[in-house]
């Protein structure tokens, strides 16, 4: 009888152990799936999901709504408005957001070639987006011009509107630089991964600005904008 009880106890413990092993295996597989899930690259993060074309009436007395109706009348049948994703009216301007750069460029060219539309509509494009990167471990005494020349050498182009935002030194006495440049140039530079300054290889990575409130310690706002009760 005692032998039968021992055997029953062993079987029961064996079943519990098997169930636990199954649960642990499932948890490990779930963790692996989460860890291996595809994440957005910096290029995807800063990439414009929509391209904007800004239209304004040349005649200040003409309303934006009339201009919009005129555009629809002229272009709807030709299919030029198929790529339009969103339309906004702001400050007497018609803001059209398209799905791709090509669609925006085609829409702009169509309006400029249309004899009736180009006489009454001004076509504008917004300025290019910019992005910040951080360059680690720059040599002592590196100037803004040194950084620009280093970027130009890596990209093999003359960058435009590149600006040194600031430099700072970490606890290990290494100096780093935050650089502002055009988004498309930042993406190309980050693909290369580094620039060379005084025969020294300096890693470049995306720079993300995270605002933190010193009142409530939460992110997304500053202490001047804080509405949280910290009492």
C-alpha atoms as a PDB file:
ATOM      1  CA  UNK A   1       0.000   0.000   0.000  1.00  0.00           C
ATOM      2  CA  UNK A   2       2.821   2.350   0.952  1.00  0.00           C
ATOM      3  CA  UNK A   3       4.592   1.510  -2.291  1.00  0.00           C
ATOM      4  CA  UNK A   4       1.488   2.413  -4.267  1.00  0.00           C
ATOM      5  CA  UNK A   5       1.186   5.768  -2.467  1.00  0.00           C
ATOM      6  CA  UNK A   6       4.839   6.569  -3.227  1.00  0.00           C
ATOM      7  CA  UNK A   7       4.358   5.720  -6.885  1.00  0.00           C
ATOM      8  CA  UNK A   8       1.228   7.895  -7.027  1.00  0.00           C
ATOM      9  CA  UNK A   9       3.128  10.772  -5.397  1.00  0.00           C
ATOM     10  CA  UNK A  10       5.974  10.421  -7.931  1.00  0.00           C
ATOM     11  CA  UNK A  11       3.519  10.522 -10.839  1.00  0.00           C
ATOM     12  CA  UNK A  12       1.822  13.595  -9.403  1.00  0.00           C
ATOM     13  CA  UNK A  13       5.163  15.421  -8.986  1.00  0.00           C
ATOM     14  CA  UNK A  14       6.167  14.360 -12.487  1.00  0.00           C
ATOM     15  CA  UNK A  15       2.994  15.891 -13.922  1.00  0.00           C
ATOM     16  CA  UNK A  16       3.578  19.166 -12.034  1.00  0.00           C
ATOM     17  CA  UNK A  17       7.180  19.304 -13.280  1.00  0.00           C
ATOM     18  CA  UNK A  18       6.064  18.674 -16.858  1.00  0.00           C
ATOM     19  CA  UNK A  19       3.456  21.432 -16.660  1.00  0.00           C
ATOM     20  CA  UNK A  20       6.021  23.849 -15.218  1.00  0.00           C
ATOM     21  CA  UNK A  21       8.504  23.051 -17.972  1.00  0.00           C
ATOM     22  CA  UNK A  22       5.831  23.671 -20.599  1.00  0.00           C
ATOM     23  CA  UNK A  23       4.965  27.025 -19.008  1.00  0.00           C
ATOM     24  CA  UNK A  24       8.644  28.044 -18.856  1.00  0.00           C
ATOM     25  CA  UNK A  25       9.174  27.039 -22.509  1.00  0.00           C
ATOM     26  CA  UNK A  26       6.158  29.062 -23.618  1.00  0.00           C
ATOM     27  CA  UNK A  27       7.377  32.085 -21.644  1.00  0.00           C
ATOM     28  CA  UNK A  28      10.854  31.829 -23.229  1.00  0.00           C
ATOM     29  CA  UNK A  29       9.382  31.564 -26.746  1.00  0.00           C
ATOM     30  CA  UNK A  30       7.138  34.568 -26.092  1.00  0.00           C
ATOM     31  CA  UNK A  31      10.115  36.597 -24.855  1.00  0.00           C
ATOM     32  CA  UNK A  32      12.126  35.658 -27.951  1.00  0.00           C
ATOM     33  CA  UNK A  33       9.292  36.773 -30.207  1.00  0.00           C
ATOM     34  CA  UNK A  34       9.110  40.130 -28.424  1.00  0.00           C
ATOM     35  CA  UNK A  35      12.890  40.588 -28.555  1.00  0.00           C
ATOM     36  CA  UNK A  36      13.123  39.681 -32.238  1.00  0.00           C
ATOM     37  CA  UNK A  37      10.163  41.825 -33.276  1.00  0.00           C
ATOM     38  CA  UNK A  38      11.206  44.270 -36.005  1.00  0.00           C
ATOM     39  CA  UNK A  39      11.859  47.802 -34.752  1.00  0.00           C
ATOM     40  CA  UNK A  40      11.820  51.022 -36.738  1.00  0.00           C
ATOM     41  CA  UNK A  41      15.153  52.341 -37.906  1.00  0.00           C
ATOM     42  CA  UNK A  42      16.036  56.007 -37.482  1.00  0.00           C
ATOM     43  CA  UNK A  43      15.380  56.492 -41.193  1.00  0.00           C
ATOM     44  CA  UNK A  44      11.873  55.088 -40.788  1.00  0.00           C
ATOM     45  CA  UNK A  45      11.296  57.116 -37.642  1.00  0.00           C
ATOM     46  CA  UNK A  46      12.138  60.453 -39.196  1.00  0.00           C
ATOM     47  CA  UNK A  47      10.786  59.647 -42.626  1.00  0.00           C
ATOM     48  CA  UNK A  48       7.858  61.813 -43.662  1.00  0.00           C
ATOM     49  CA  UNK A  49       4.824  59.585 -44.026  1.00  0.00           C
ATOM     50  CA  UNK A  50       3.163  62.265 -46.119  1.00  0.00           C
ATOM     51  CA  UNK A  51       4.552  64.935 -48.448  1.00  0.00           C
ATOM     52  CA  UNK A  52       3.022  68.383 -48.241  1.00  0.00           C
ATOM     53  CA  UNK A  53       2.118  70.800 -51.006  1.00  0.00           C
ATOM     54  CA  UNK A  54       0.910  74.262 -49.997  1.00  0.00           C
ATOM     55  CA  UNK A  55      -1.406  76.196 -52.315  1.00  0.00           C
ATOM     56  CA  UNK A  56      -2.476  79.813 -51.876  1.00  0.00           C
ATOM     57  CA  UNK A  57      -4.671  82.052 -54.059  1.00  0.00           C
ATOM     58  CA  UNK A  58      -2.813  84.842 -55.855  1.00  0.00           C
ATOM     59  CA  UNK A  59      -5.846  87.053 -55.461  1.00  0.00           C
ATOM     60  CA  UNK A  60      -6.348  87.801 -51.759  1.00  0.00           C
ATOM     61  CA  UNK A  61     -10.072  88.292 -52.345  1.00  0.00           C
ATOM     62  CA  UNK A  62     -10.456  84.722 -53.575  1.00  0.00           C
ATOM     63  CA  UNK A  63     -11.487  82.270 -50.873  1.00  0.00           C
ATOM     64  CA  UNK A  64      -9.564  79.054 -50.277  1.00  0.00           C
ATOM     65  CA  UNK A  65     -12.768  77.049 -50.585  1.00  0.00           C
ATOM     66  CA  UNK A  66     -13.366  78.447 -54.085  1.00  0.00           C
ATOM     67  CA  UNK A  67      -9.777  77.592 -54.983  1.00  0.00           C
ATOM     68  CA  UNK A  68     -10.264  74.046 -53.705  1.00  0.00           C
ATOM     69  CA  UNK A  69     -13.432  73.631 -55.779  1.00  0.00           C
ATOM     70  CA  UNK A  70     -11.601  74.919 -58.849  1.00  0.00           C
ATOM     71  CA  UNK A  71      -8.752  72.424 -58.341  1.00  0.00           C
ATOM     72  CA  UNK A  72     -11.173  69.528 -57.921  1.00  0.00           C
ATOM     73  CA  UNK A  73     -13.035  70.565 -61.056  1.00  0.00           C
ATOM     74  CA  UNK A  74      -9.840  70.728 -63.122  1.00  0.00           C
ATOM     75  CA  UNK A  75      -7.964  67.679 -61.811  1.00  0.00           C
ATOM     76  CA  UNK A  76     -10.461  65.148 -60.497  1.00  0.00           C
ATOM     77  CA  UNK A  77     -11.254  63.573 -63.860  1.00  0.00           C
ATOM     78  CA  UNK A  78      -7.571  63.154 -64.755  1.00  0.00           C
ATOM     79  CA  UNK A  79      -6.893  61.183 -61.564  1.00  0.00           C
ATOM     80  CA  UNK A  80      -4.271  63.615 -60.279  1.00  0.00           C
ATOM     81  CA  UNK A  81      -5.994  63.745 -56.880  1.00  0.00           C
ATOM     82  CA  UNK A  82      -5.856  59.995 -56.284  1.00  0.00           C
ATOM     83  CA  UNK A  83      -2.679  60.295 -54.207  1.00  0.00           C
ATOM     84  CA  UNK A  84      -4.120  62.924 -51.872  1.00  0.00           C
ATOM     85  CA  UNK A  85      -4.290  61.643 -48.306  1.00  0.00           C
ATOM     86  CA  UNK A  86      -5.470  64.708 -46.431  1.00  0.00           C
ATOM     87  CA  UNK A  87      -6.509  68.303 -47.125  1.00  0.00           C
ATOM     88  CA  UNK A  88      -6.398  71.134 -44.582  1.00  0.00           C
ATOM     89  CA  UNK A  89      -7.281  74.821 -44.729  1.00  0.00           C
ATOM     90  CA  UNK A  90      -5.086  77.036 -42.587  1.00  0.00           C
ATOM     91  CA  UNK A  91      -4.401  80.784 -42.689  1.00  0.00           C
ATOM     92  CA  UNK A  92      -5.867  81.238 -46.176  1.00  0.00           C
ATOM     93  CA  UNK A  93      -3.792  78.343 -47.530  1.00  0.00           C
ATOM     94  CA  UNK A  94      -4.741  74.929 -48.810  1.00  0.00           C
ATOM     95  CA  UNK A  95      -2.434  72.268 -47.380  1.00  0.00           C
ATOM     96  CA  UNK A  96      -2.473  69.031 -49.357  1.00  0.00           C
ATOM     97  CA  UNK A  97      -0.759  65.933 -47.958  1.00  0.00           C
ATOM     98  CA  UNK A  98       0.036  63.145 -50.399  1.00  0.00           C
ATOM     99  CA  UNK A  99       1.130  59.576 -49.830  1.00  0.00           C
ATOM    100  CA  UNK A 100       4.484  59.830 -51.632  1.00  0.00           C
ATOM    101  CA  UNK A 101       7.003  62.415 -52.811  1.00  0.00           C
ATOM    102  CA  UNK A 102       6.328  61.447 -56.426  1.00  0.00           C
ATOM    103  CA  UNK A 103       2.614  62.155 -56.099  1.00  0.00           C
ATOM    104  CA  UNK A 104       3.280  65.546 -54.537  1.00  0.00           C
ATOM    105  CA  UNK A 105       5.737  66.482 -57.269  1.00  0.00           C
ATOM    106  CA  UNK A 106       3.327  65.325 -59.972  1.00  0.00           C
ATOM    107  CA  UNK A 107       0.486  67.337 -58.419  1.00  0.00           C
ATOM    108  CA  UNK A 108       2.676  70.437 -58.241  1.00  0.00           C
ATOM    109  CA  UNK A 109       3.813  70.076 -61.861  1.00  0.00           C
ATOM    110  CA  UNK A 110       0.240  69.519 -63.048  1.00  0.00           C
ATOM    111  CA  UNK A 111      -0.991  72.707 -61.382  1.00  0.00           C
ATOM    112  CA  UNK A 112       1.942  74.716 -62.748  1.00  0.00           C
ATOM    113  CA  UNK A 113       1.297  73.419 -66.281  1.00  0.00           C
ATOM    114  CA  UNK A 114      -2.449  74.022 -66.135  1.00  0.00           C
ATOM    115  CA  UNK A 115      -3.073  77.375 -67.836  1.00  0.00           C
ATOM    116  CA  UNK A 116      -6.149  78.236 -65.801  1.00  0.00           C
ATOM    117  CA  UNK A 117      -4.842  77.122 -62.386  1.00  0.00           C
ATOM    118  CA  UNK A 118      -1.361  78.634 -62.560  1.00  0.00           C
ATOM    119  CA  UNK A 119      -2.877  82.070 -63.192  1.00  0.00           C
ATOM    120  CA  UNK A 120      -4.736  82.087 -59.876  1.00  0.00           C
ATOM    121  CA  UNK A 121      -2.745  79.726 -57.595  1.00  0.00           C
ATOM    122  CA  UNK A 122       0.665  80.011 -55.965  1.00  0.00           C
ATOM    123  CA  UNK A 123       2.365  76.667 -55.297  1.00  0.00           C
ATOM    124  CA  UNK A 124       4.684  76.422 -52.320  1.00  0.00           C
ATOM    125  CA  UNK A 125       6.610  73.563 -50.782  1.00  0.00           C
ATOM    126  CA  UNK A 126       7.526  73.508 -47.075  1.00  0.00           C
ATOM    127  CA  UNK A 127      11.198  73.658 -46.059  1.00  0.00           C
ATOM    128  CA  UNK A 128      13.062  70.389 -45.749  1.00  0.00           C
ATOM    129  CA  UNK A 129      12.866  68.649 -42.402  1.00  0.00           C
ATOM    130  CA  UNK A 130      15.934  68.568 -40.193  1.00  0.00           C
ATOM    131  CA  UNK A 131      17.237  66.049 -37.696  1.00  0.00           C
ATOM    132  CA  UNK A 132      19.808  65.993 -34.912  1.00  0.00           C
ATOM    133  CA  UNK A 133      22.584  63.474 -34.542  1.00  0.00           C
ATOM    134  CA  UNK A 134      25.214  63.006 -31.838  1.00  0.00           C
ATOM    135  CA  UNK A 135      28.879  62.475 -32.668  1.00  0.00           C
ATOM    136  CA  UNK A 136      30.754  60.656 -29.907  1.00  0.00           C
ATOM    137  CA  UNK A 137      34.345  61.174 -28.821  1.00  0.00           C
ATOM    138  CA  UNK A 138      35.381  64.136 -30.951  1.00  0.00           C
ATOM    139  CA  UNK A 139      38.994  65.337 -30.573  1.00  0.00           C
ATOM    140  CA  UNK A 140      39.673  68.256 -28.254  1.00  0.00           C
ATOM    141  CA  UNK A 141      39.424  71.616 -29.985  1.00  0.00           C
ATOM    142  CA  UNK A 142      37.175  70.386 -32.810  1.00  0.00           C
ATOM    143  CA  UNK A 143      35.337  73.314 -34.418  1.00  0.00           C
ATOM    144  CA  UNK A 144      32.032  73.478 -36.266  1.00  0.00           C
ATOM    145  CA  UNK A 145      33.906  73.733 -39.564  1.00  0.00           C
ATOM    146  CA  UNK A 146      35.931  70.600 -38.714  1.00  0.00           C
ATOM    147  CA  UNK A 147      32.705  68.676 -38.130  1.00  0.00           C
ATOM    148  CA  UNK A 148      31.139  69.932 -41.369  1.00  0.00           C
ATOM    149  CA  UNK A 149      34.242  68.964 -43.362  1.00  0.00           C
ATOM    150  CA  UNK A 150      34.256  65.520 -41.715  1.00  0.00           C
ATOM    151  CA  UNK A 151      30.615  64.986 -42.671  1.00  0.00           C
ATOM    152  CA  UNK A 152      31.286  66.189 -46.223  1.00  0.00           C
ATOM    153  CA  UNK A 153      34.152  63.720 -46.617  1.00  0.00           C
ATOM    154  CA  UNK A 154      32.024  60.772 -45.517  1.00  0.00           C
ATOM    155  CA  UNK A 155      28.978  61.696 -47.619  1.00  0.00           C
ATOM    156  CA  UNK A 156      31.107  62.935 -50.546  1.00  0.00           C
ATOM    157  CA  UNK A 157      28.823  65.956 -50.913  1.00  0.00           C
ATOM    158  CA  UNK A 158      28.705  69.522 -49.659  1.00  0.00           C
ATOM    159  CA  UNK A 159      26.092  69.492 -46.897  1.00  0.00           C
ATOM    160  CA  UNK A 160      23.643  72.364 -46.573  1.00  0.00           C
ATOM    161  CA  UNK A 161      22.528  74.185 -43.437  1.00  0.00           C
ATOM    162  CA  UNK A 162      24.637  71.963 -41.154  1.00  0.00           C
ATOM    163  CA  UNK A 163      25.044  73.492 -37.701  1.00  0.00           C
ATOM    164  CA  UNK A 164      26.808  72.574 -34.468  1.00  0.00           C
ATOM    165  CA  UNK A 165      24.176  72.783 -31.734  1.00  0.00           C
ATOM    166  CA  UNK A 166      26.476  72.213 -28.763  1.00  0.00           C
ATOM    167  CA  UNK A 167      29.334  70.157 -27.372  1.00  0.00           C
ATOM    168  CA  UNK A 168      29.507  68.595 -23.915  1.00  0.00           C
ATOM    169  CA  UNK A 169      31.865  66.458 -21.851  1.00  0.00           C
ATOM    170  CA  UNK A 170      30.786  63.295 -20.036  1.00  0.00           C
ATOM    171  CA  UNK A 171      32.023  61.833 -16.751  1.00  0.00           C
ATOM    172  CA  UNK A 172      34.855  60.035 -18.571  1.00  0.00           C
ATOM    173  CA  UNK A 173      36.132  63.363 -19.928  1.00  0.00           C
ATOM    174  CA  UNK A 174      35.106  62.478 -23.483  1.00  0.00           C
ATOM    175  CA  UNK A 175      33.677  65.258 -25.640  1.00  0.00           C
ATOM    176  CA  UNK A 176      30.587  64.752 -27.790  1.00  0.00           C
ATOM    177  CA  UNK A 177      28.856  67.009 -30.316  1.00  0.00           C
ATOM    178  CA  UNK A 178      25.194  67.438 -31.206  1.00  0.00           C
ATOM    179  CA  UNK A 179      24.775  68.411 -34.862  1.00  0.00           C
ATOM    180  CA  UNK A 180      21.710  69.673 -36.734  1.00  0.00           C
ATOM    181  CA  UNK A 181      21.490  68.877 -40.446  1.00  0.00           C
ATOM    182  CA  UNK A 182      18.981  68.080 -43.158  1.00  0.00           C
ATOM    183  CA  UNK A 183      17.014  64.900 -42.531  1.00  0.00           C
ATOM    184  CA  UNK A 184      18.063  63.201 -45.767  1.00  0.00           C
ATOM    185  CA  UNK A 185      21.734  63.932 -45.007  1.00  0.00           C
ATOM    186  CA  UNK A 186      21.334  62.662 -41.429  1.00  0.00           C
ATOM    187  CA  UNK A 187      19.914  59.379 -42.728  1.00  0.00           C
ATOM    188  CA  UNK A 188      22.851  58.912 -45.126  1.00  0.00           C
ATOM    189  CA  UNK A 189      25.359  59.740 -42.386  1.00  0.00           C
ATOM    190  CA  UNK A 190      23.799  57.316 -39.905  1.00  0.00           C
ATOM    191  CA  UNK A 191      24.015  54.552 -42.496  1.00  0.00           C
ATOM    192  CA  UNK A 192      27.774  55.134 -42.639  1.00  0.00           C
ATOM    193  CA  UNK A 193      27.893  55.074 -38.831  1.00  0.00           C
ATOM    194  CA  UNK A 194      30.915  57.313 -38.294  1.00  0.00           C
ATOM    195  CA  UNK A 195      32.969  60.294 -39.387  1.00  0.00           C
ATOM    196  CA  UNK A 196      36.712  60.825 -39.216  1.00  0.00           C
ATOM    197  CA  UNK A 197      38.242  63.801 -37.417  1.00  0.00           C
ATOM    198  CA  UNK A 198      42.031  64.153 -37.167  1.00  0.00           C
ATOM    199  CA  UNK A 199      42.478  60.481 -38.162  1.00  0.00           C
ATOM    200  CA  UNK A 200      40.111  59.522 -35.340  1.00  0.00           C
ATOM    201  CA  UNK A 201      36.938  57.505 -35.948  1.00  0.00           C
ATOM    202  CA  UNK A 202      33.919  59.071 -34.242  1.00  0.00           C
ATOM    203  CA  UNK A 203      30.637  57.166 -33.992  1.00  0.00           C
ATOM    204  CA  UNK A 204      27.432  58.967 -34.983  1.00  0.00           C
ATOM    205  CA  UNK A 205      23.989  58.034 -33.705  1.00  0.00           C
ATOM    206  CA  UNK A 206      20.522  59.628 -33.715  1.00  0.00           C
ATOM    207  CA  UNK A 207      19.914  62.215 -31.013  1.00  0.00           C
ATOM    208  CA  UNK A 208      16.528  62.149 -29.323  1.00  0.00           C
ATOM    209  CA  UNK A 209      15.423  65.067 -27.188  1.00  0.00           C
ATOM    210  CA  UNK A 210      13.299  63.993 -24.234  1.00  0.00           C
ATOM    211  CA  UNK A 211      11.824  66.768 -22.140  1.00  0.00           C
ATOM    212  CA  UNK A 212      11.565  65.997 -18.440  1.00  0.00           C
ATOM    213  CA  UNK A 213       9.687  68.004 -15.846  1.00  0.00           C
ATOM    214  CA  UNK A 214      11.819  68.783 -12.794  1.00  0.00           C
ATOM    215  CA  UNK A 215       8.643  69.313 -10.767  1.00  0.00           C
ATOM    216  CA  UNK A 216       6.875  65.959 -11.219  1.00  0.00           C
ATOM    217  CA  UNK A 217       9.759  64.064 -12.909  1.00  0.00           C
ATOM    218  CA  UNK A 218       7.532  62.966 -15.805  1.00  0.00           C
ATOM    219  CA  UNK A 219       8.533  63.246 -19.461  1.00  0.00           C
ATOM    220  CA  UNK A 220       6.852  65.119 -22.292  1.00  0.00           C
ATOM    221  CA  UNK A 221       6.677  68.578 -20.733  1.00  0.00           C
ATOM    222  CA  UNK A 222       8.725  71.085 -18.737  1.00  0.00           C
ATOM    223  CA  UNK A 223       8.173  72.410 -15.220  1.00  0.00           C
ATOM    224  CA  UNK A 224       6.695  75.629 -16.643  1.00  0.00           C
ATOM    225  CA  UNK A 225       4.006  73.607 -18.402  1.00  0.00           C
ATOM    226  CA  UNK A 226       3.416  71.188 -15.526  1.00  0.00           C
ATOM    227  CA  UNK A 227      -0.195  70.754 -14.424  1.00  0.00           C
ATOM    228  CA  UNK A 228       0.393  67.864 -12.032  1.00  0.00           C
ATOM    229  CA  UNK A 229      -0.181  68.251  -8.324  1.00  0.00           C
ATOM    230  CA  UNK A 230       3.030  67.231  -6.567  1.00  0.00           C
ATOM    231  CA  UNK A 231       1.774  67.861  -3.017  1.00  0.00           C
END
